[in-house]
Amino acid sequence: MKKILGVHSAPRPHWVGDGFPVRSLFGYDGLGRALSPFLLLDHAAPTPFPPATRPRGVGAHPHRGFETVTIVYQGELAHRDSTGAGGLIGPGDVQWMTAAGGIVHEEFHSPGFTRQGGTIEMVQLWVNLPARDKMGPAGYQTLLDADIPSVDLPDGAGRVRVIAGRFGDGQGPARTFTPIDVLDIRLRQGATGRFTATPGHTLALVVLHGTVLVNGEEVAREGQLVHLDRAGSEVQIEANTDATVLWLAGAPIDEPVVGYGPFVMNSEAEIHQAIADFNSGRFGVVASA
């Protein structure tokens, strides 16, 4: 069994814009230093919103040097960016955006969701890019729920949605720059799932719902992250209640990480250049709706 290095609890929630009350389970200036290639993870826990006339969300903001992965569990989001891309993502859908050399992006509750109201739940994960790709072209992948394979676990224990990488017979649709496995695991109460990780890769388990026992040693509850050693391969997750767990595994990127807000590069000089490029309009603008 893989050694458990620690169980970490998320701090109190804070608002991102006016549409997403999130808990940050890790960031690149803290625990994220040990979780390469992952930089940050925010979980917007289920939150009800009444019908409204104005969409809530986050206005135009820049990114450079990494990718953002938005997984929608409940509700519907509308997004647009400075490449001219945009669209809607709803329950089960994923937006995998490559900021790379620079992008300006906005995301709001969709018009339909805004009119009707409802519950929003989502995760946003930041994935680092290696230095060779940080200044590449921006773009994004819309991964619809119907295109994400779901693999049943043995003995009716639950199922695994394969967003990136491989699990069993499922190959995730996300195209990644380095080897990454992002698995959306659903376990039934009392069931045990047995998983195999790639030795040498980073591994973190994020408990979004429920309570689990990991490797027969540590209990992790909603809003907690279990950090496991890179050595070894076997992981056992026992669900004490119905549980949703996000499996984040990947090959570490052995390069300096220098971040400033929405910019993550390899040096202070590159951060200064990112700020200058954004301020001079080189990231482009989000066209008016």
C-alpha atoms as a PDB file:
ATOM      1  CA  MET A   1       0.000   0.000   0.000  1.00  0.00           C
ATOM      2  CA  LYS A   2       1.130   3.533  -0.688  1.00  0.00           C
ATOM      3  CA  LYS A   3       2.246   5.481   2.373  1.00  0.00           C
ATOM      4  CA  ILE A   4      -0.088   8.313   3.423  1.00  0.00           C
ATOM      5  CA  LEU A   5       1.874  11.530   3.877  1.00  0.00           C
ATOM      6  CA  GLY A   6      -0.954  13.577   5.316  1.00  0.00           C
ATOM      7  CA  VAL A   7      -4.654  14.437   5.429  1.00  0.00           C
ATOM      8  CA  HIS A   8      -5.321  18.129   4.845  1.00  0.00           C
ATOM      9  CA  SER A   9      -8.524  20.069   5.508  1.00  0.00           C
ATOM     10  CA  ALA A  10      -9.765  22.934   3.364  1.00  0.00           C
ATOM     11  CA  PRO A  11     -10.084  26.360   4.977  1.00  0.00           C
ATOM     12  CA  ARG A  12     -13.344  28.246   5.247  1.00  0.00           C
ATOM     13  CA  PRO A  13     -14.987  29.118   1.931  1.00  0.00           C
ATOM     14  CA  HIS A  14     -14.460  32.400   0.129  1.00  0.00           C
ATOM     15  CA  TRP A  15     -16.203  33.913  -2.870  1.00  0.00           C
ATOM     16  CA  VAL A  16     -14.724  33.919  -6.358  1.00  0.00           C
ATOM     17  CA  GLY A  17     -16.614  36.685  -8.112  1.00  0.00           C
ATOM     18  CA  ASP A  18     -20.232  36.650  -6.978  1.00  0.00           C
ATOM     19  CA  GLY A  19     -21.110  33.209  -8.304  1.00  0.00           C
ATOM     20  CA  PHE A  20     -18.788  30.669  -6.696  1.00  0.00           C
ATOM     21  CA  PRO A  21     -18.279  30.164  -2.935  1.00  0.00           C
ATOM     22  CA  VAL A  22     -15.198  27.925  -2.957  1.00  0.00           C
ATOM     23  CA  ARG A  23     -12.885  26.132  -0.553  1.00  0.00           C
ATOM     24  CA  SER A  24      -9.279  26.006  -1.742  1.00  0.00           C
ATOM     25  CA  LEU A  25      -7.884  22.575  -0.916  1.00  0.00           C
ATOM     26  CA  PHE A  26      -4.425  23.538  -2.129  1.00  0.00           C
ATOM     27  CA  GLY A  27      -2.560  26.264  -3.990  1.00  0.00           C
ATOM     28  CA  TYR A  28       0.805  26.633  -5.678  1.00  0.00           C
ATOM     29  CA  ASP A  29       2.181  28.712  -2.795  1.00  0.00           C
ATOM     30  CA  GLY A  30       1.368  26.021  -0.200  1.00  0.00           C
ATOM     31  CA  LEU A  31       0.608  22.309  -0.400  1.00  0.00           C
ATOM     32  CA  GLY A  32       0.651  22.579  -4.192  1.00  0.00           C
ATOM     33  CA  ARG A  33       4.456  22.722  -4.022  1.00  0.00           C
ATOM     34  CA  ALA A  34       4.380  18.992  -3.236  1.00  0.00           C
ATOM     35  CA  LEU A  35       1.650  18.092  -5.751  1.00  0.00           C
ATOM     36  CA  SER A  36       3.288  18.792  -9.118  1.00  0.00           C
ATOM     37  CA  PRO A  37       1.973  18.896 -11.830  1.00  0.00           C
ATOM     38  CA  PHE A  38      -1.115  20.177  -9.986  1.00  0.00           C
ATOM     39  CA  LEU A  39      -1.110  23.779  -8.796  1.00  0.00           C
ATOM     40  CA  LEU A  40      -4.458  24.571  -7.207  1.00  0.00           C
ATOM     41  CA  LEU A  41      -7.875  23.094  -6.546  1.00  0.00           C
ATOM     42  CA  ASP A  42     -11.056  24.951  -5.607  1.00  0.00           C
ATOM     43  CA  HIS A  43     -14.307  23.163  -4.756  1.00  0.00           C
ATOM     44  CA  ALA A  44     -17.536  25.109  -4.971  1.00  0.00           C
ATOM     45  CA  ALA A  45     -19.705  22.930  -2.737  1.00  0.00           C
ATOM     46  CA  PRO A  46     -23.433  22.645  -3.546  1.00  0.00           C
ATOM     47  CA  THR A  47     -24.916  26.121  -3.176  1.00  0.00           C
ATOM     48  CA  PRO A  48     -28.507  27.133  -4.014  1.00  0.00           C
ATOM     49  CA  PHE A  49     -29.128  30.314  -6.007  1.00  0.00           C
ATOM     50  CA  PRO A  50     -32.562  31.883  -6.480  1.00  0.00           C
ATOM     51  CA  PRO A  51     -33.796  32.963  -9.916  1.00  0.00           C
ATOM     52  CA  ALA A  52     -32.197  36.230 -11.023  1.00  0.00           C
ATOM     53  CA  THR A  53     -32.138  38.672 -13.911  1.00  0.00           C
ATOM     54  CA  ARG A  54     -28.352  39.147 -13.943  1.00  0.00           C
ATOM     55  CA  PRO A  55     -25.934  36.201 -14.212  1.00  0.00           C
ATOM     56  CA  ARG A  56     -23.555  35.694 -11.314  1.00  0.00           C
ATOM     57  CA  GLY A  57     -19.973  34.649 -11.917  1.00  0.00           C
ATOM     58  CA  VAL A  58     -16.479  35.941 -12.637  1.00  0.00           C
ATOM     59  CA  GLY A  59     -15.793  38.690 -15.190  1.00  0.00           C
ATOM     60  CA  ALA A  60     -12.891  38.853 -17.625  1.00  0.00           C
ATOM     61  CA  HIS A  61      -9.592  37.768 -16.041  1.00  0.00           C
ATOM     62  CA  PRO A  62      -6.241  36.564 -17.449  1.00  0.00           C
ATOM     63  CA  HIS A  63      -4.231  33.350 -17.176  1.00  0.00           C
ATOM     64  CA  ARG A  64      -0.779  32.338 -18.426  1.00  0.00           C
ATOM     65  CA  GLY A  65       1.457  29.287 -18.044  1.00  0.00           C
ATOM     66  CA  PHE A  66      -0.949  26.484 -17.098  1.00  0.00           C
ATOM     67  CA  GLU A  67      -4.331  24.843 -17.737  1.00  0.00           C
ATOM     68  CA  THR A  68      -7.638  25.163 -15.896  1.00  0.00           C
ATOM     69  CA  VAL A  69      -9.928  22.147 -15.604  1.00  0.00           C
ATOM     70  CA  THR A  70     -13.528  22.922 -14.610  1.00  0.00           C
ATOM     71  CA  ILE A  71     -15.700  19.940 -13.647  1.00  0.00           C
ATOM     72  CA  VAL A  72     -19.413  20.686 -13.236  1.00  0.00           C
ATOM     73  CA  TYR A  73     -21.361  18.466 -10.845  1.00  0.00           C
ATOM     74  CA  GLN A  74     -24.558  20.535 -10.629  1.00  0.00           C
ATOM     75  CA  GLY A  75     -25.832  23.596 -12.458  1.00  0.00           C
ATOM     76  CA  GLU A  76     -24.749  25.106 -15.766  1.00  0.00           C
ATOM     77  CA  LEU A  77     -21.982  27.564 -16.652  1.00  0.00           C
ATOM     78  CA  ALA A  78     -21.420  29.778 -19.667  1.00  0.00           C
ATOM     79  CA  HIS A  79     -17.853  30.655 -20.590  1.00  0.00           C
ATOM     80  CA  ARG A  80     -16.130  32.847 -23.171  1.00  0.00           C
ATOM     81  CA  ASP A  81     -12.509  33.760 -23.829  1.00  0.00           C
ATOM     82  CA  SER A  82     -10.253  35.976 -25.927  1.00  0.00           C
ATOM     83  CA  THR A  83      -9.713  33.282 -28.577  1.00  0.00           C
ATOM     84  CA  GLY A  84     -13.373  33.654 -29.522  1.00  0.00           C
ATOM     85  CA  ALA A  85     -14.250  30.289 -27.987  1.00  0.00           C
ATOM     86  CA  GLY A  86     -17.089  29.725 -25.565  1.00  0.00           C
ATOM     87  CA  GLY A  87     -20.067  27.585 -24.737  1.00  0.00           C
ATOM     88  CA  LEU A  88     -22.090  25.918 -22.013  1.00  0.00           C
ATOM     89  CA  ILE A  89     -21.090  23.136 -19.634  1.00  0.00           C
ATOM     90  CA  GLY A  90     -23.604  21.335 -17.442  1.00  0.00           C
ATOM     91  CA  PRO A  91     -23.712  18.393 -15.023  1.00  0.00           C
ATOM     92  CA  GLY A  92     -20.951  15.896 -15.799  1.00  0.00           C
ATOM     93  CA  ASP A  93     -19.261  18.138 -18.373  1.00  0.00           C
ATOM     94  CA  VAL A  94     -15.660  19.355 -18.173  1.00  0.00           C
ATOM     95  CA  GLN A  95     -13.955  22.380 -19.670  1.00  0.00           C
ATOM     96  CA  TRP A  96     -10.210  21.844 -20.098  1.00  0.00           C
ATOM     97  CA  MET A  97      -8.722  25.237 -20.963  1.00  0.00           C
ATOM     98  CA  THR A  98      -5.093  25.687 -21.972  1.00  0.00           C
ATOM     99  CA  ALA A  99      -4.078  29.234 -21.072  1.00  0.00           C
ATOM    100  CA  ALA A 100      -0.458  28.654 -22.165  1.00  0.00           C
ATOM    101  CA  GLY A 101       0.934  31.930 -23.604  1.00  0.00           C
ATOM    102  CA  GLY A 102      -2.040  33.967 -22.472  1.00  0.00           C
ATOM    103  CA  ILE A 103      -5.812  34.107 -22.447  1.00  0.00           C
ATOM    104  CA  VAL A 104      -8.559  36.297 -21.014  1.00  0.00           C
ATOM    105  CA  HIS A 105     -11.542  34.329 -19.804  1.00  0.00           C
ATOM    106  CA  GLU A 106     -14.894  34.808 -18.100  1.00  0.00           C
ATOM    107  CA  GLU A 107     -17.397  32.376 -16.616  1.00  0.00           C
ATOM    108  CA  PHE A 108     -20.923  32.968 -15.371  1.00  0.00           C
ATOM    109  CA  HIS A 109     -24.018  31.029 -14.469  1.00  0.00           C
ATOM    110  CA  SER A 110     -25.710  30.305 -17.801  1.00  0.00           C
ATOM    111  CA  PRO A 111     -28.717  32.434 -18.865  1.00  0.00           C
ATOM    112  CA  GLY A 112     -31.062  29.472 -18.439  1.00  0.00           C
ATOM    113  CA  PHE A 113     -29.740  28.633 -14.977  1.00  0.00           C
ATOM    114  CA  THR A 114     -29.916  32.304 -13.999  1.00  0.00           C
ATOM    115  CA  ARG A 115     -33.594  32.543 -14.951  1.00  0.00           C
ATOM    116  CA  GLN A 116     -34.601  29.306 -13.239  1.00  0.00           C
ATOM    117  CA  GLY A 117     -32.229  29.265 -10.274  1.00  0.00           C
ATOM    118  CA  GLY A 118     -30.882  26.055  -8.806  1.00  0.00           C
ATOM    119  CA  THR A 119     -27.784  24.530  -7.225  1.00  0.00           C
ATOM    120  CA  ILE A 120     -24.215  25.085  -8.400  1.00  0.00           C
ATOM    121  CA  GLU A 121     -21.428  22.623  -7.617  1.00  0.00           C
ATOM    122  CA  MET A 122     -18.121  22.516  -9.433  1.00  0.00           C
ATOM    123  CA  VAL A 123     -14.399  21.935  -9.099  1.00  0.00           C
ATOM    124  CA  GLN A 124     -11.666  23.964 -10.724  1.00  0.00           C
ATOM    125  CA  LEU A 125      -8.217  22.389 -10.955  1.00  0.00           C
ATOM    126  CA  TRP A 126      -5.078  24.146 -12.213  1.00  0.00           C
ATOM    127  CA  VAL A 127      -2.559  21.927 -14.015  1.00  0.00           C
ATOM    128  CA  ASN A 128       0.966  23.175 -14.650  1.00  0.00           C
ATOM    129  CA  LEU A 129       2.577  23.170 -18.082  1.00  0.00           C
ATOM    130  CA  PRO A 130       6.236  22.328 -18.680  1.00  0.00           C
ATOM    131  CA  ALA A 131       8.438  25.267 -19.648  1.00  0.00           C
ATOM    132  CA  ARG A 132       8.505  24.217 -23.306  1.00  0.00           C
ATOM    133  CA  ASP A 133       4.703  24.644 -23.535  1.00  0.00           C
ATOM    134  CA  LYS A 134       4.062  27.660 -21.301  1.00  0.00           C
ATOM    135  CA  MET A 135       4.150  30.133 -24.199  1.00  0.00           C
ATOM    136  CA  GLY A 136       2.278  27.945 -26.692  1.00  0.00           C
ATOM    137  CA  PRO A 137      -1.095  28.779 -28.228  1.00  0.00           C
ATOM    138  CA  ALA A 138      -4.159  29.039 -26.009  1.00  0.00           C
ATOM    139  CA  GLY A 139      -7.153  26.787 -26.549  1.00  0.00           C
ATOM    140  CA  TYR A 140      -9.676  24.598 -24.835  1.00  0.00           C
ATOM    141  CA  GLN A 141     -11.380  21.219 -24.918  1.00  0.00           C
ATOM    142  CA  THR A 142     -15.056  20.754 -24.096  1.00  0.00           C
ATOM    143  CA  LEU A 143     -15.453  17.255 -22.656  1.00  0.00           C
ATOM    144  CA  LEU A 144     -19.134  16.420 -22.551  1.00  0.00           C
ATOM    145  CA  ASP A 145     -20.486  13.935 -20.019  1.00  0.00           C
ATOM    146  CA  ALA A 146     -21.544  11.610 -22.847  1.00  0.00           C
ATOM    147  CA  ASP A 147     -17.938  11.454 -24.090  1.00  0.00           C
ATOM    148  CA  ILE A 148     -16.365  10.655 -20.705  1.00  0.00           C
ATOM    149  CA  PRO A 149     -16.150   6.870 -20.197  1.00  0.00           C
ATOM    150  CA  SER A 150     -17.612   5.405 -17.021  1.00  0.00           C
ATOM    151  CA  VAL A 151     -16.077   2.156 -15.755  1.00  0.00           C
ATOM    152  CA  ASP A 152     -17.915  -0.036 -13.251  1.00  0.00           C
ATOM    153  CA  LEU A 153     -15.935  -1.214 -10.239  1.00  0.00           C
ATOM    154  CA  PRO A 154     -15.972  -4.918  -9.283  1.00  0.00           C
ATOM    155  CA  ASP A 155     -18.693  -6.256  -6.971  1.00  0.00           C
ATOM    156  CA  GLY A 156     -20.957  -3.269  -7.537  1.00  0.00           C
ATOM    157  CA  ALA A 157     -18.675  -1.017  -5.493  1.00  0.00           C
ATOM    158  CA  GLY A 158     -19.351   1.998  -7.679  1.00  0.00           C
ATOM    159  CA  ARG A 159     -18.007   3.524 -10.856  1.00  0.00           C
ATOM    160  CA  VAL A 160     -15.167   5.670 -12.168  1.00  0.00           C
ATOM    161  CA  ARG A 161     -15.498   8.439 -14.751  1.00  0.00           C
ATOM    162  CA  VAL A 162     -12.213   8.702 -16.633  1.00  0.00           C
ATOM    163  CA  ILE A 163     -11.626  12.374 -17.467  1.00  0.00           C
ATOM    164  CA  ALA A 164      -7.904  12.061 -18.249  1.00  0.00           C
ATOM    165  CA  GLY A 165      -5.541   9.108 -18.424  1.00  0.00           C
ATOM    166  CA  ARG A 166      -6.676   5.508 -18.229  1.00  0.00           C
ATOM    167  CA  PHE A 167      -8.586   3.323 -15.804  1.00  0.00           C
ATOM    168  CA  GLY A 168      -9.495  -0.261 -16.682  1.00  0.00           C
ATOM    169  CA  ASP A 169     -10.899  -0.219 -20.194  1.00  0.00           C
ATOM    170  CA  GLY A 170     -11.611   3.511 -20.079  1.00  0.00           C
ATOM    171  CA  GLN A 171      -9.402   6.085 -21.792  1.00  0.00           C
ATOM    172  CA  GLY A 172     -10.108   9.676 -20.820  1.00  0.00           C
ATOM    173  CA  PRO A 173     -10.840  12.122 -23.650  1.00  0.00           C
ATOM    174  CA  ALA A 174      -8.632  14.942 -22.321  1.00  0.00           C
ATOM    175  CA  ARG A 175      -5.444  15.659 -24.235  1.00  0.00           C
ATOM    176  CA  THR A 176      -2.662  16.457 -21.771  1.00  0.00           C
ATOM    177  CA  PHE A 177       0.872  17.804 -22.110  1.00  0.00           C
ATOM    178  CA  THR A 178       2.305  15.469 -19.471  1.00  0.00           C
ATOM    179  CA  PRO A 179       1.017  12.115 -18.111  1.00  0.00           C
ATOM    180  CA  ILE A 180      -2.021  12.830 -15.917  1.00  0.00           C
ATOM    181  CA  ASP A 181      -4.873  10.741 -14.501  1.00  0.00           C
ATOM    182  CA  VAL A 182      -7.999  12.594 -13.385  1.00  0.00           C
ATOM    183  CA  LEU A 183     -10.649  10.146 -12.144  1.00  0.00           C
ATOM    184  CA  ASP A 184     -14.092  11.001 -10.773  1.00  0.00           C
ATOM    185  CA  ILE A 185     -14.742   8.109  -8.372  1.00  0.00           C
ATOM    186  CA  ARG A 186     -18.182   7.311  -6.971  1.00  0.00           C
ATOM    187  CA  LEU A 187     -18.289   4.657  -4.228  1.00  0.00           C
ATOM    188  CA  ARG A 188     -21.339   3.138  -2.581  1.00  0.00           C
ATOM    189  CA  GLN A 189     -21.669   3.015   1.194  1.00  0.00           C
ATOM    190  CA  GLY A 190     -19.809   0.015   2.612  1.00  0.00           C
ATOM    191  CA  ALA A 191     -17.972  -0.695  -0.651  1.00  0.00           C
ATOM    192  CA  THR A 192     -14.223  -0.874  -1.175  1.00  0.00           C
ATOM    193  CA  GLY A 193     -12.409   0.201  -4.321  1.00  0.00           C
ATOM    194  CA  ARG A 194      -8.893  -1.011  -5.092  1.00  0.00           C
ATOM    195  CA  PHE A 195      -6.757   1.097  -7.382  1.00  0.00           C
ATOM    196  CA  THR A 196      -3.270   1.009  -8.855  1.00  0.00           C
ATOM    197  CA  ALA A 197      -1.196   4.175  -9.208  1.00  0.00           C
ATOM    198  CA  THR A 198       1.917   4.670 -11.313  1.00  0.00           C
ATOM    199  CA  PRO A 199       5.013   4.513  -9.054  1.00  0.00           C
ATOM    200  CA  GLY A 200       6.862   7.816  -9.018  1.00  0.00           C
ATOM    201  CA  HIS A 201       3.778   9.887  -9.826  1.00  0.00           C
ATOM    202  CA  THR A 202       2.155  12.410  -7.514  1.00  0.00           C
ATOM    203  CA  LEU A 203      -1.149  11.227  -6.025  1.00  0.00           C
ATOM    204  CA  ALA A 204      -3.817  13.129  -4.124  1.00  0.00           C
ATOM    205  CA  LEU A 205      -7.351  12.025  -3.260  1.00  0.00           C
ATOM    206  CA  VAL A 206      -9.872  14.831  -2.786  1.00  0.00           C
ATOM    207  CA  VAL A 207     -13.026  13.886  -0.882  1.00  0.00           C
ATOM    208  CA  LEU A 208     -15.871  15.970  -2.299  1.00  0.00           C
ATOM    209  CA  HIS A 209     -18.708  14.084  -0.577  1.00  0.00           C
ATOM    210  CA  GLY A 210     -18.949  11.436   2.105  1.00  0.00           C
ATOM    211  CA  THR A 211     -16.397   9.763   4.350  1.00  0.00           C
ATOM    212  CA  VAL A 212     -13.753   7.235   3.294  1.00  0.00           C
ATOM    213  CA  LEU A 213     -11.056   5.104   4.886  1.00  0.00           C
ATOM    214  CA  VAL A 214      -7.827   5.121   2.853  1.00  0.00           C
ATOM    215  CA  ASN A 215      -5.487   2.105   2.963  1.00  0.00           C
ATOM    216  CA  GLY A 216      -7.142   0.967   6.179  1.00  0.00           C
ATOM    217  CA  GLU A 217      -5.333   3.758   8.040  1.00  0.00           C
ATOM    218  CA  GLU A 218      -6.738   7.262   7.654  1.00  0.00           C
ATOM    219  CA  VAL A 219     -10.299   8.536   7.631  1.00  0.00           C
ATOM    220  CA  ALA A 220     -10.948  11.421   5.238  1.00  0.00           C
ATOM    221  CA  ARG A 221     -14.138  13.438   5.161  1.00  0.00           C
ATOM    222  CA  GLU A 222     -15.773  15.918   2.843  1.00  0.00           C
ATOM    223  CA  GLY A 223     -13.455  18.856   2.219  1.00  0.00           C
ATOM    224  CA  GLN A 224     -10.262  16.925   2.953  1.00  0.00           C
ATOM    225  CA  LEU A 225      -7.339  15.881   0.753  1.00  0.00           C
ATOM    226  CA  VAL A 226      -5.225  12.767   1.246  1.00  0.00           C
ATOM    227  CA  HIS A 227      -1.626  13.131   0.024  1.00  0.00           C
ATOM    228  CA  LEU A 228       0.134   9.847  -0.753  1.00  0.00           C
ATOM    229  CA  ASP A 229       3.798   9.041  -1.294  1.00  0.00           C
ATOM    230  CA  ARG A 230       5.071   8.776  -4.865  1.00  0.00           C
ATOM    231  CA  ALA A 231       6.585   5.362  -4.123  1.00  0.00           C
ATOM    232  CA  GLY A 232       4.435   2.240  -4.308  1.00  0.00           C
ATOM    233  CA  SER A 233       1.288   1.645  -6.312  1.00  0.00           C
ATOM    234  CA  GLU A 234      -1.615   0.094  -4.382  1.00  0.00           C
ATOM    235  CA  VAL A 235      -4.421   2.230  -2.951  1.00  0.00           C
ATOM    236  CA  GLN A 236      -7.576   1.053  -1.184  1.00  0.00           C
ATOM    237  CA  ILE A 237     -10.557   3.333  -0.597  1.00  0.00           C
ATOM    238  CA  GLU A 238     -13.398   2.122   1.632  1.00  0.00           C
ATOM    239  CA  ALA A 239     -16.564   4.206   1.658  1.00  0.00           C
ATOM    240  CA  ASN A 240     -18.197   4.648   5.055  1.00  0.00           C
ATOM    241  CA  THR A 241     -21.012   6.541   3.296  1.00  0.00           C
ATOM    242  CA  ASP A 242     -21.819   7.123  -0.359  1.00  0.00           C
ATOM    243  CA  ALA A 243     -18.749   9.032  -1.463  1.00  0.00           C
ATOM    244  CA  THR A 244     -17.378  11.104  -4.333  1.00  0.00           C
ATOM    245  CA  VAL A 245     -13.587  11.216  -4.572  1.00  0.00           C
ATOM    246  CA  LEU A 246     -11.428  12.989  -7.131  1.00  0.00           C
ATOM    247  CA  TRP A 247      -8.235  11.056  -7.963  1.00  0.00           C
ATOM    248  CA  LEU A 248      -5.406  13.345  -9.122  1.00  0.00           C
ATOM    249  CA  ALA A 249      -2.245  11.618 -10.304  1.00  0.00           C
ATOM    250  CA  GLY A 250       0.512  12.755 -12.609  1.00  0.00           C
ATOM    251  CA  ALA A 251       4.179  12.791 -13.489  1.00  0.00           C
ATOM    252  CA  PRO A 252       5.894  15.599 -11.530  1.00  0.00           C
ATOM    253  CA  ILE A 253       7.318  18.468 -13.564  1.00  0.00           C
ATOM    254  CA  ASP A 254      10.832  19.008 -12.190  1.00  0.00           C
ATOM    255  CA  GLU A 255      11.028  22.733 -12.895  1.00  0.00           C
ATOM    256  CA  PRO A 256      10.808  25.923 -10.801  1.00  0.00           C
ATOM    257  CA  VAL A 257       7.303  27.208 -10.078  1.00  0.00           C
ATOM    258  CA  VAL A 258       6.950  30.976  -9.731  1.00  0.00           C
ATOM    259  CA  GLY A 259       3.389  32.220  -9.439  1.00  0.00           C
ATOM    260  CA  TYR A 260       1.642  35.535  -9.110  1.00  0.00           C
ATOM    261  CA  GLY A 261      -2.141  35.378  -9.029  1.00  0.00           C
ATOM    262  CA  PRO A 262      -3.323  34.017 -12.395  1.00  0.00           C
ATOM    263  CA  PHE A 263       0.193  33.687 -13.839  1.00  0.00           C
ATOM    264  CA  VAL A 264       2.411  30.629 -13.179  1.00  0.00           C
ATOM    265  CA  MET A 265       5.826  30.601 -14.836  1.00  0.00           C
ATOM    266  CA  ASN A 266       9.399  29.486 -14.117  1.00  0.00           C
ATOM    267  CA  SER A 267      11.027  32.778 -13.099  1.00  0.00           C
ATOM    268  CA  GLU A 268      10.267  36.215 -11.681  1.00  0.00           C
ATOM    269  CA  ALA A 269      11.308  37.769 -14.994  1.00  0.00           C
ATOM    270  CA  GLU A 270       8.642  35.721 -16.795  1.00  0.00           C
ATOM    271  CA  ILE A 271       6.028  36.881 -14.278  1.00  0.00           C
ATOM    272  CA  HIS A 272       6.962  40.518 -14.895  1.00  0.00           C
ATOM    273  CA  GLN A 273       6.700  39.887 -18.634  1.00  0.00           C
ATOM    274  CA  ALA A 274       3.264  38.279 -18.208  1.00  0.00           C
ATOM    275  CA  ILE A 275       1.999  41.326 -16.318  1.00  0.00           C
ATOM    276  CA  ALA A 276       3.420  43.678 -18.942  1.00  0.00           C
ATOM    277  CA  ASP A 277       1.948  41.636 -21.794  1.00  0.00           C
ATOM    278  CA  PHE A 278      -1.477  41.579 -20.177  1.00  0.00           C
ATOM    279  CA  ASN A 279      -1.443  45.285 -19.397  1.00  0.00           C
ATOM    280  CA  SER A 280      -0.468  46.071 -22.990  1.00  0.00           C
ATOM    281  CA  GLY A 281      -3.401  44.040 -24.353  1.00  0.00           C
ATOM    282  CA  ARG A 282      -1.392  41.168 -25.823  1.00  0.00           C
ATOM    283  CA  PHE A 283      -3.726  38.585 -24.267  1.00  0.00           C
ATOM    284  CA  GLY A 284      -6.632  39.953 -26.285  1.00  0.00           C
ATOM    285  CA  VAL A 285     -10.112  40.714 -25.002  1.00  0.00           C
ATOM    286  CA  VAL A 286     -13.355  38.827 -24.509  1.00  0.00           C
ATOM    287  CA  ALA A 287     -15.810  39.982 -27.147  1.00  0.00           C
ATOM    288  CA  SER A 288     -19.079  41.454 -25.934  1.00  0.00           C
ATOM    289  CA  ALA A 289     -22.017  39.042 -25.860  1.00  0.00           C
END
